[in-house]
Amino acid sequence: MDGKNYWTKLLADDQVDNFIYHIRYFKPRLLIFFGSEMIKILQHEKVLPRFSKIMGESSEKPRIGKKPFAGKKFNIGLQSFENCNIISLPHPSGSRGLKDEYIGLFTECIRPKIQEVKRLKKI
């Protein structure tokens, strides 16, 4: 999908309702989005209030950015809610050139979120 259709499709009422239904049903402690726009869509007025009603208030605005790297760089997004953490990674279809070493630069941000879920689930 191109950028305009992407937002239109994902913000359609049935798509938002479906997303919120799954959030309410599963109550995930960690969401990993694949696609740099997904964390931005979560902030939309059609989504965020409904998401926050289930997952609690956000303790921070989304942090979206890149890190210095000699190779190709991609946006990584992070956001925390009272009952859920968000990690937003590049979508595989658009991440040609993404290196493990680049994702590794975000270890200090991502690892604690995964470890928290493991601790809560006793895995």
N, C-alpha and C. Protein backbone atom coordinates (compact mmCIF):
# COMPACT_ATOMS: atom_id res chain seq x y z
N MET A 1 0.85 -1.19 0.00
CA MET A 1 0.00 0.00 0.00
C MET A 1 0.89 1.24 0.00
N ASP A 2 0.44 2.25 -0.70
CA ASP A 2 1.19 3.49 -0.64
C ASP A 2 0.82 4.23 0.64
N GLY A 3 1.56 5.26 0.97
CA GLY A 3 1.39 5.97 2.24
C GLY A 3 -0.01 6.44 2.53
N LYS A 4 -0.68 7.05 1.56
CA LYS A 4 -2.02 7.58 1.79
C LYS A 4 -3.02 6.44 2.01
N ASN A 5 -2.99 5.44 1.16
CA ASN A 5 -3.90 4.31 1.33
C ASN A 5 -3.64 3.55 2.62
N TYR A 6 -2.40 3.51 3.04
CA TYR A 6 -2.00 2.82 4.26
C TYR A 6 -2.75 3.41 5.46
N TRP A 7 -2.68 4.71 5.62
CA TRP A 7 -3.35 5.38 6.73
C TRP A 7 -4.86 5.25 6.61
N THR A 8 -5.39 5.44 5.42
CA THR A 8 -6.84 5.35 5.21
C THR A 8 -7.34 3.96 5.56
N LYS A 9 -6.65 2.95 5.10
CA LYS A 9 -7.05 1.56 5.37
C LYS A 9 -6.97 1.25 6.86
N LEU A 10 -5.86 1.57 7.50
CA LEU A 10 -5.69 1.21 8.90
C LEU A 10 -6.54 2.03 9.86
N LEU A 11 -6.98 3.20 9.44
CA LEU A 11 -7.84 4.01 10.30
C LEU A 11 -9.31 3.85 9.97
N ALA A 12 -9.64 2.95 9.05
CA ALA A 12 -11.05 2.66 8.77
C ALA A 12 -11.68 2.11 10.04
N ASP A 13 -12.94 2.45 10.27
CA ASP A 13 -13.61 2.05 11.51
C ASP A 13 -13.51 0.56 11.79
N ASP A 14 -13.70 -0.27 10.77
CA ASP A 14 -13.66 -1.71 11.00
C ASP A 14 -12.26 -2.18 11.40
N GLN A 15 -11.22 -1.56 10.86
CA GLN A 15 -9.85 -1.92 11.22
C GLN A 15 -9.53 -1.51 12.66
N VAL A 16 -9.92 -0.30 13.02
CA VAL A 16 -9.69 0.17 14.40
C VAL A 16 -10.47 -0.69 15.38
N ASP A 17 -11.73 -0.98 15.06
CA ASP A 17 -12.55 -1.84 15.94
C ASP A 17 -11.91 -3.21 16.10
N ASN A 18 -11.41 -3.78 15.02
CA ASN A 18 -10.77 -5.09 15.08
C ASN A 18 -9.51 -5.05 15.96
N PHE A 19 -8.69 -4.03 15.79
CA PHE A 19 -7.48 -3.87 16.59
C PHE A 19 -7.84 -3.76 18.08
N ILE A 20 -8.79 -2.90 18.39
CA ILE A 20 -9.19 -2.70 19.79
C ILE A 20 -9.81 -3.98 20.37
N TYR A 21 -10.58 -4.69 19.57
CA TYR A 21 -11.15 -5.96 20.02
C TYR A 21 -10.03 -6.91 20.47
N HIS A 22 -9.00 -7.03 19.66
CA HIS A 22 -7.89 -7.93 19.98
C HIS A 22 -7.09 -7.44 21.18
N ILE A 23 -6.92 -6.16 21.31
CA ILE A 23 -6.23 -5.61 22.48
C ILE A 23 -7.03 -5.92 23.74
N ARG A 24 -8.32 -5.68 23.68
CA ARG A 24 -9.19 -5.96 24.84
C ARG A 24 -9.18 -7.45 25.19
N TYR A 25 -9.23 -8.30 24.18
CA TYR A 25 -9.30 -9.74 24.39
C TYR A 25 -7.99 -10.32 24.94
N PHE A 26 -6.87 -9.96 24.31
CA PHE A 26 -5.59 -10.55 24.69
C PHE A 26 -4.84 -9.78 25.77
N LYS A 27 -5.11 -8.48 25.91
CA LYS A 27 -4.42 -7.63 26.87
C LYS A 27 -2.90 -7.89 26.87
N PRO A 28 -2.27 -7.66 25.73
CA PRO A 28 -0.83 -7.95 25.64
C PRO A 28 0.00 -7.03 26.52
N ARG A 29 1.07 -7.56 27.05
CA ARG A 29 2.02 -6.76 27.82
C ARG A 29 3.05 -6.12 26.91
N LEU A 30 3.21 -6.70 25.71
CA LEU A 30 4.17 -6.20 24.74
C LEU A 30 3.58 -6.33 23.34
N LEU A 31 3.64 -5.25 22.59
CA LEU A 31 3.24 -5.27 21.17
C LEU A 31 4.47 -4.93 20.35
N ILE A 32 4.73 -5.73 19.34
CA ILE A 32 5.81 -5.43 18.42
C ILE A 32 5.17 -5.15 17.06
N PHE A 33 5.23 -3.90 16.66
CA PHE A 33 4.70 -3.49 15.37
C PHE A 33 5.80 -3.66 14.32
N PHE A 34 5.40 -4.11 13.15
CA PHE A 34 6.32 -4.19 12.02
C PHE A 34 5.84 -3.20 10.98
N GLY A 35 6.50 -2.08 10.92
CA GLY A 35 6.15 -0.97 10.05
C GLY A 35 6.32 0.32 10.84
N SER A 36 7.12 1.22 10.32
CA SER A 36 7.44 2.44 11.06
C SER A 36 6.25 3.36 11.28
N GLU A 37 5.21 3.22 10.48
CA GLU A 37 4.03 4.08 10.62
C GLU A 37 3.06 3.59 11.70
N MET A 38 3.18 2.33 12.10
CA MET A 38 2.20 1.75 13.02
C MET A 38 2.15 2.49 14.36
N ILE A 39 3.28 2.86 14.91
CA ILE A 39 3.29 3.56 16.19
C ILE A 39 2.69 4.96 16.03
N LYS A 40 2.83 5.53 14.86
CA LYS A 40 2.21 6.83 14.58
C LYS A 40 0.69 6.69 14.48
N ILE A 41 0.23 5.63 13.85
CA ILE A 41 -1.20 5.38 13.74
C ILE A 41 -1.82 5.17 15.12
N LEU A 42 -1.08 4.52 16.01
CA LEU A 42 -1.56 4.32 17.38
C LEU A 42 -1.87 5.65 18.06
N GLN A 43 -1.16 6.71 17.70
CA GLN A 43 -1.34 8.03 18.32
C GLN A 43 -2.59 8.76 17.82
N HIS A 44 -3.19 8.28 16.75
CA HIS A 44 -4.33 8.95 16.13
C HIS A 44 -5.50 9.02 17.11
N GLU A 45 -6.28 10.08 17.00
CA GLU A 45 -7.43 10.29 17.90
C GLU A 45 -8.49 9.19 17.82
N LYS A 46 -8.51 8.45 16.73
CA LYS A 46 -9.46 7.34 16.61
C LYS A 46 -8.98 6.10 17.36
N VAL A 47 -7.69 6.04 17.66
CA VAL A 47 -7.11 4.83 18.24
C VAL A 47 -6.66 5.03 19.68
N LEU A 48 -5.85 6.04 19.92
CA LEU A 48 -5.19 6.22 21.22
C LEU A 48 -6.14 6.26 22.42
N PRO A 49 -7.23 7.01 22.38
CA PRO A 49 -8.11 7.02 23.55
C PRO A 49 -8.70 5.64 23.87
N ARG A 50 -9.05 4.90 22.85
CA ARG A 50 -9.61 3.56 23.06
C ARG A 50 -8.54 2.59 23.55
N PHE A 51 -7.34 2.69 23.00
CA PHE A 51 -6.23 1.86 23.42
C PHE A 51 -5.87 2.17 24.88
N SER A 52 -5.79 3.45 25.21
CA SER A 52 -5.43 3.87 26.57
C SER A 52 -6.47 3.46 27.61
N LYS A 53 -7.71 3.39 27.19
CA LYS A 53 -8.77 2.95 28.11
C LYS A 53 -8.53 1.51 28.57
N ILE A 54 -7.92 0.71 27.71
CA ILE A 54 -7.64 -0.70 28.02
C ILE A 54 -6.25 -0.85 28.64
N MET A 55 -5.26 -0.20 28.06
CA MET A 55 -3.86 -0.40 28.45
C MET A 55 -3.31 0.64 29.42
N GLY A 56 -4.13 1.60 29.79
CA GLY A 56 -3.66 2.65 30.70
C GLY A 56 -3.02 3.78 29.93
N GLU A 57 -2.73 4.81 30.65
CA GLU A 57 -2.15 6.00 30.03
C GLU A 57 -0.70 5.75 29.63
N SER A 58 -0.28 6.48 28.64
CA SER A 58 1.11 6.41 28.20
C SER A 58 1.97 7.20 29.17
N SER A 59 3.07 6.61 29.57
CA SER A 59 3.98 7.30 30.46
C SER A 59 4.99 8.15 29.68
N GLU A 60 4.89 8.08 28.37
CA GLU A 60 5.80 8.84 27.51
C GLU A 60 5.21 8.97 26.11
N LYS A 61 5.63 10.00 25.42
CA LYS A 61 5.28 10.10 24.00
C LYS A 61 6.15 9.09 23.27
N PRO A 62 5.72 8.68 22.08
CA PRO A 62 6.56 7.71 21.37
C PRO A 62 7.93 8.29 21.05
N ARG A 63 8.93 7.46 21.23
CA ARG A 63 10.30 7.84 20.85
C ARG A 63 10.60 7.10 19.56
N ILE A 64 10.76 7.87 18.50
CA ILE A 64 11.01 7.29 17.18
C ILE A 64 12.31 7.88 16.68
N GLY A 65 13.21 7.01 16.27
CA GLY A 65 14.47 7.55 15.79
C GLY A 65 15.40 6.52 15.22
N LYS A 66 16.54 7.03 14.82
CA LYS A 66 17.61 6.22 14.24
C LYS A 66 18.84 6.41 15.12
N LYS A 67 19.78 5.50 14.97
CA LYS A 67 21.06 5.61 15.68
C LYS A 67 22.17 5.73 14.65
N PRO A 68 23.26 6.38 15.04
CA PRO A 68 24.41 6.48 14.12
C PRO A 68 24.90 5.08 13.73
N PHE A 69 25.11 4.90 12.45
CA PHE A 69 25.52 3.60 11.94
C PHE A 69 26.13 3.79 10.57
N ALA A 70 27.15 3.00 10.25
CA ALA A 70 27.82 3.13 8.95
C ALA A 70 26.95 2.64 7.79
N GLY A 71 26.04 1.69 8.06
CA GLY A 71 25.18 1.15 7.01
C GLY A 71 23.84 1.86 6.95
N LYS A 72 22.89 1.19 6.34
CA LYS A 72 21.54 1.74 6.19
C LYS A 72 20.85 1.82 7.55
N LYS A 73 20.17 2.95 7.80
CA LYS A 73 19.49 3.19 9.08
C LYS A 73 17.98 3.18 8.88
N PHE A 74 17.28 2.71 9.90
CA PHE A 74 15.83 2.64 9.88
C PHE A 74 15.29 3.20 11.19
N ASN A 75 14.06 3.70 11.14
CA ASN A 75 13.42 4.18 12.36
C ASN A 75 12.98 3.03 13.23
N ILE A 76 13.21 3.17 14.52
CA ILE A 76 12.74 2.25 15.54
C ILE A 76 11.91 3.10 16.50
N GLY A 77 10.74 2.60 16.90
CA GLY A 77 9.88 3.35 17.80
C GLY A 77 9.64 2.60 19.10
N LEU A 78 9.52 3.34 20.19
CA LEU A 78 9.26 2.78 21.51
C LEU A 78 8.24 3.65 22.23
N GLN A 79 7.37 3.01 22.98
CA GLN A 79 6.41 3.74 23.81
C GLN A 79 5.94 2.82 24.93
N SER A 80 5.73 3.41 26.10
CA SER A 80 5.27 2.62 27.25
C SER A 80 3.92 3.13 27.73
N PHE A 81 3.05 2.18 28.03
CA PHE A 81 1.76 2.44 28.66
C PHE A 81 1.77 1.75 30.02
N GLU A 82 0.81 2.03 30.86
CA GLU A 82 0.77 1.42 32.18
C GLU A 82 0.83 -0.10 32.11
N ASN A 83 0.15 -0.69 31.15
CA ASN A 83 0.04 -2.15 31.08
C ASN A 83 0.56 -2.77 29.79
N CYS A 84 1.29 -1.99 29.01
CA CYS A 84 1.77 -2.52 27.72
C CYS A 84 2.94 -1.67 27.23
N ASN A 85 3.91 -2.33 26.65
CA ASN A 85 5.02 -1.64 25.99
C ASN A 85 4.91 -1.87 24.50
N ILE A 86 5.36 -0.89 23.74
CA ILE A 86 5.31 -0.94 22.28
C ILE A 86 6.74 -0.87 21.75
N ILE A 87 7.04 -1.76 20.82
CA ILE A 87 8.29 -1.70 20.05
C ILE A 87 7.87 -1.66 18.59
N SER A 88 8.33 -0.68 17.86
CA SER A 88 7.99 -0.54 16.45
C SER A 88 9.25 -0.71 15.61
N LEU A 89 9.28 -1.79 14.85
CA LEU A 89 10.43 -2.12 14.01
C LEU A 89 10.08 -1.91 12.53
N PRO A 90 11.08 -1.85 11.67
CA PRO A 90 10.79 -1.70 10.24
C PRO A 90 10.03 -2.91 9.71
N HIS A 91 9.17 -2.68 8.75
CA HIS A 91 8.47 -3.79 8.11
C HIS A 91 9.45 -4.54 7.21
N PRO A 92 9.41 -5.86 7.24
CA PRO A 92 10.37 -6.64 6.43
C PRO A 92 10.36 -6.28 4.94
N SER A 93 9.22 -5.90 4.40
CA SER A 93 9.16 -5.60 2.97
C SER A 93 9.93 -4.33 2.60
N GLY A 94 10.15 -3.45 3.55
CA GLY A 94 10.85 -2.21 3.24
C GLY A 94 12.19 -2.10 3.93
N SER A 95 12.65 -3.19 4.53
CA SER A 95 13.88 -3.10 5.32
C SER A 95 15.08 -3.76 4.64
N ARG A 96 15.07 -3.77 3.33
CA ARG A 96 16.21 -4.32 2.60
C ARG A 96 17.47 -3.56 3.02
N GLY A 97 18.47 -4.30 3.45
CA GLY A 97 19.70 -3.66 3.90
C GLY A 97 19.80 -3.55 5.40
N LEU A 98 18.76 -3.92 6.13
CA LEU A 98 18.79 -3.87 7.59
C LEU A 98 19.75 -4.92 8.12
N LYS A 99 20.65 -4.52 8.99
CA LYS A 99 21.65 -5.45 9.52
C LYS A 99 21.36 -5.74 11.00
N ASP A 100 21.69 -6.95 11.40
CA ASP A 100 21.54 -7.33 12.81
C ASP A 100 22.29 -6.36 13.72
N GLU A 101 23.43 -5.89 13.27
CA GLU A 101 24.24 -4.98 14.07
C GLU A 101 23.49 -3.67 14.34
N TYR A 102 22.69 -3.25 13.37
CA TYR A 102 21.93 -2.01 13.57
C TYR A 102 20.84 -2.22 14.62
N ILE A 103 20.09 -3.29 14.51
CA ILE A 103 19.06 -3.59 15.51
C ILE A 103 19.72 -3.75 16.88
N GLY A 104 20.91 -4.33 16.90
CA GLY A 104 21.65 -4.52 18.14
C GLY A 104 21.95 -3.21 18.87
N LEU A 105 22.01 -2.11 18.13
CA LEU A 105 22.24 -0.81 18.77
C LEU A 105 21.08 -0.40 19.69
N PHE A 106 19.93 -1.03 19.51
CA PHE A 106 18.75 -0.70 20.31
C PHE A 106 18.53 -1.69 21.46
N THR A 107 19.50 -2.57 21.68
CA THR A 107 19.36 -3.61 22.71
C THR A 107 19.00 -3.02 24.06
N GLU A 108 19.67 -1.96 24.45
CA GLU A 108 19.43 -1.38 25.79
C GLU A 108 18.01 -0.85 25.94
N CYS A 109 17.34 -0.55 24.85
CA CYS A 109 15.95 -0.07 24.90
C CYS A 109 14.95 -1.22 24.80
N ILE A 110 15.28 -2.21 23.99
CA ILE A 110 14.33 -3.29 23.70
C ILE A 110 14.40 -4.43 24.72
N ARG A 111 15.60 -4.81 25.11
CA ARG A 111 15.77 -5.96 26.01
C ARG A 111 14.95 -5.83 27.30
N PRO A 112 14.95 -4.70 27.99
CA PRO A 112 14.17 -4.61 29.24
C PRO A 112 12.67 -4.84 29.03
N LYS A 113 12.15 -4.44 27.89
CA LYS A 113 10.73 -4.63 27.61
C LYS A 113 10.41 -6.11 27.42
N ILE A 114 11.30 -6.82 26.75
CA ILE A 114 11.11 -8.26 26.56
C ILE A 114 11.32 -9.01 27.87
N GLN A 115 12.34 -8.61 28.63
CA GLN A 115 12.61 -9.27 29.91
C GLN A 115 11.46 -9.09 30.89
N GLU A 116 10.81 -7.94 30.86
CA GLU A 116 9.67 -7.69 31.74
C GLU A 116 8.54 -8.67 31.45
N VAL A 117 8.26 -8.92 30.18
CA VAL A 117 7.21 -9.87 29.81
C VAL A 117 7.61 -11.28 30.26
N LYS A 118 8.84 -11.64 30.06
CA LYS A 118 9.31 -12.96 30.48
C LYS A 118 9.18 -13.12 32.00
N ARG A 119 9.50 -12.07 32.72
CA ARG A 119 9.39 -12.12 34.18
C ARG A 119 7.93 -12.30 34.61
N LEU A 120 7.05 -11.53 34.01
CA LEU A 120 5.62 -11.63 34.35
C LEU A 120 5.02 -12.97 33.97
N LYS A 121 5.47 -13.53 32.86
CA LYS A 121 4.93 -14.82 32.39
C LYS A 121 5.70 -16.01 32.97
N LYS A 122 6.76 -15.69 33.72
CA LYS A 122 7.61 -16.73 34.32
C LYS A 122 8.21 -17.67 33.28
N ILE A 123 8.77 -17.06 32.23
CA ILE A 123 9.44 -17.84 31.20
C ILE A 123 10.93 -17.55 31.23
